[in-house]
Amino acid sequence: MEQIQHSRDEEEVRLKCWNCGCMMPDNDMGNPDSITTEKLRKGARAGGNNKLHQSMENMEKRYEEKIKNTHGDTETILAT
């Protein structure tokens, strides 16, 4: 298996859990809808960002500006 080199910023990001609180951000727990670090990287590449931390900053900024404290932020997310 190929060893992937990560920058210090990416390593700090990898230590955080993405959507369930499991503290294993690279494990989708058998659910393809789970957010993994690799999915975040693919999304960053698709958006033209070559740095994961920049994509994360963009998402946080959009959340703060457009979603935080709105109905979309406070409603319960139901399984589909």
C-alpha atoms as a PDB file:
ATOM      1  CA  MET A   1       0.000   0.000   0.000  1.00  0.00           C
ATOM      2  CA  GLU A   2       1.345   3.427  -0.973  1.00  0.00           C
ATOM      3  CA  GLN A   3       2.388   5.665   1.932  1.00  0.00           C
ATOM      4  CA  ILE A   4       0.797   9.103   1.610  1.00  0.00           C
ATOM      5  CA  GLN A   5       2.724  12.113   2.858  1.00  0.00           C
ATOM      6  CA  HIS A   6       0.638  14.786   4.583  1.00  0.00           C
ATOM      7  CA  SER A   7       1.521  18.308   5.601  1.00  0.00           C
ATOM      8  CA  ARG A   8       1.332  19.326   9.254  1.00  0.00           C
ATOM      9  CA  ASP A   9      -1.928  21.204   8.549  1.00  0.00           C
ATOM     10  CA  GLU A  10      -3.469  18.103   6.958  1.00  0.00           C
ATOM     11  CA  GLU A  11      -2.349  15.926   9.873  1.00  0.00           C
ATOM     12  CA  GLU A  12      -4.082  18.279  12.317  1.00  0.00           C
ATOM     13  CA  VAL A  13      -7.263  18.087  10.227  1.00  0.00           C
ATOM     14  CA  ARG A  14      -7.057  14.263  10.072  1.00  0.00           C
ATOM     15  CA  LEU A  15      -7.202  14.063  13.881  1.00  0.00           C
ATOM     16  CA  LYS A  16     -10.759  15.350  13.931  1.00  0.00           C
ATOM     17  CA  CYS A  17     -13.870  13.268  13.369  1.00  0.00           C
ATOM     18  CA  TRP A  18     -16.141  14.373  10.539  1.00  0.00           C
ATOM     19  CA  ASN A  19     -19.753  13.423  11.146  1.00  0.00           C
ATOM     20  CA  CYS A  20     -20.452  10.876  13.896  1.00  0.00           C
ATOM     21  CA  GLY A  21     -18.032  11.533  16.753  1.00  0.00           C
ATOM     22  CA  CYS A  22     -16.158   8.231  16.363  1.00  0.00           C
ATOM     23  CA  MET A  23     -12.720   9.909  16.179  1.00  0.00           C
ATOM     24  CA  MET A  24     -11.913   7.755  13.123  1.00  0.00           C
ATOM     25  CA  PRO A  25     -12.245  10.190  10.195  1.00  0.00           C
ATOM     26  CA  ASP A  26     -11.025   7.685   7.609  1.00  0.00           C
ATOM     27  CA  ASN A  27     -13.577   4.984   8.509  1.00  0.00           C
ATOM     28  CA  ASP A  28     -16.999   5.243   6.862  1.00  0.00           C
ATOM     29  CA  MET A  29     -18.445   2.720   9.359  1.00  0.00           C
ATOM     30  CA  GLY A  30     -19.888   0.759   6.451  1.00  0.00           C
ATOM     31  CA  ASN A  31     -22.085   3.677   5.403  1.00  0.00           C
ATOM     32  CA  PRO A  32     -21.127   5.213   2.039  1.00  0.00           C
ATOM     33  CA  ASP A  33     -22.868   8.463   3.057  1.00  0.00           C
ATOM     34  CA  SER A  34     -20.386   9.030   5.913  1.00  0.00           C
ATOM     35  CA  ILE A  35     -17.882  11.843   5.418  1.00  0.00           C
ATOM     36  CA  THR A  36     -14.295  10.595   5.269  1.00  0.00           C
ATOM     37  CA  THR A  37     -11.062  12.522   4.845  1.00  0.00           C
ATOM     38  CA  GLU A  38     -10.704  11.112   1.343  1.00  0.00           C
ATOM     39  CA  LYS A  39     -14.143  12.445   0.388  1.00  0.00           C
ATOM     40  CA  LEU A  40     -13.126  15.865   1.702  1.00  0.00           C
ATOM     41  CA  ARG A  41      -9.936  15.720  -0.389  1.00  0.00           C
ATOM     42  CA  LYS A  42     -11.908  14.767  -3.504  1.00  0.00           C
ATOM     43  CA  GLY A  43     -14.302  17.630  -2.880  1.00  0.00           C
ATOM     44  CA  ALA A  44     -11.402  20.039  -2.436  1.00  0.00           C
ATOM     45  CA  ARG A  45      -9.875  18.893  -5.724  1.00  0.00           C
ATOM     46  CA  ALA A  46     -13.221  19.192  -7.510  1.00  0.00           C
ATOM     47  CA  GLY A  47     -13.504  22.761  -6.245  1.00  0.00           C
ATOM     48  CA  GLY A  48     -10.048  23.671  -7.485  1.00  0.00           C
ATOM     49  CA  ASN A  49      -8.387  23.725  -4.061  1.00  0.00           C
ATOM     50  CA  ASN A  50      -5.121  21.879  -3.728  1.00  0.00           C
ATOM     51  CA  LYS A  51      -5.048  22.238   0.060  1.00  0.00           C
ATOM     52  CA  LEU A  52      -7.493  20.448   2.330  1.00  0.00           C
ATOM     53  CA  HIS A  53      -7.244  23.140   4.995  1.00  0.00           C
ATOM     54  CA  GLN A  54      -8.351  25.804   2.473  1.00  0.00           C
ATOM     55  CA  SER A  55     -11.422  23.795   1.566  1.00  0.00           C
ATOM     56  CA  MET A  56     -12.231  23.333   5.270  1.00  0.00           C
ATOM     57  CA  GLU A  57     -11.857  27.070   5.882  1.00  0.00           C
ATOM     58  CA  ASN A  58     -14.202  27.739   2.956  1.00  0.00           C
ATOM     59  CA  MET A  59     -16.804  25.341   4.375  1.00  0.00           C
ATOM     60  CA  GLU A  60     -16.572  26.872   7.831  1.00  0.00           C
ATOM     61  CA  LYS A  61     -16.945  30.385   6.426  1.00  0.00           C
ATOM     62  CA  ARG A  62     -19.999  29.388   4.334  1.00  0.00           C
ATOM     63  CA  TYR A  63     -21.535  27.684   7.377  1.00  0.00           C
ATOM     64  CA  GLU A  64     -21.021  30.782   9.530  1.00  0.00           C
ATOM     65  CA  GLU A  65     -22.379  33.127   6.839  1.00  0.00           C
ATOM     66  CA  LYS A  66     -25.237  31.111   5.346  1.00  0.00           C
ATOM     67  CA  ILE A  67     -26.384  28.282   7.613  1.00  0.00           C
ATOM     68  CA  LYS A  68     -25.593  28.897  11.294  1.00  0.00           C
ATOM     69  CA  ASN A  69     -28.701  29.648  13.369  1.00  0.00           C
ATOM     70  CA  THR A  70     -31.077  29.150  10.424  1.00  0.00           C
ATOM     71  CA  HIS A  71     -33.863  26.591  10.163  1.00  0.00           C
ATOM     72  CA  GLY A  72     -31.514  24.391   8.125  1.00  0.00           C
ATOM     73  CA  ASP A  73     -29.047  24.404  11.019  1.00  0.00           C
ATOM     74  CA  THR A  74     -31.510  23.542  13.749  1.00  0.00           C
ATOM     75  CA  GLU A  75     -33.818  21.039  12.071  1.00  0.00           C
ATOM     76  CA  THR A  76     -33.328  17.328  12.671  1.00  0.00           C
ATOM     77  CA  ILE A  77     -31.694  15.535   9.767  1.00  0.00           C
ATOM     78  CA  LEU A  78     -33.685  12.404   9.008  1.00  0.00           C
ATOM     79  CA  ALA A  79     -32.311   9.288   7.345  1.00  0.00           C
ATOM     80  CA  THR A  80     -33.217   8.888   3.695  1.00  0.00           C
END
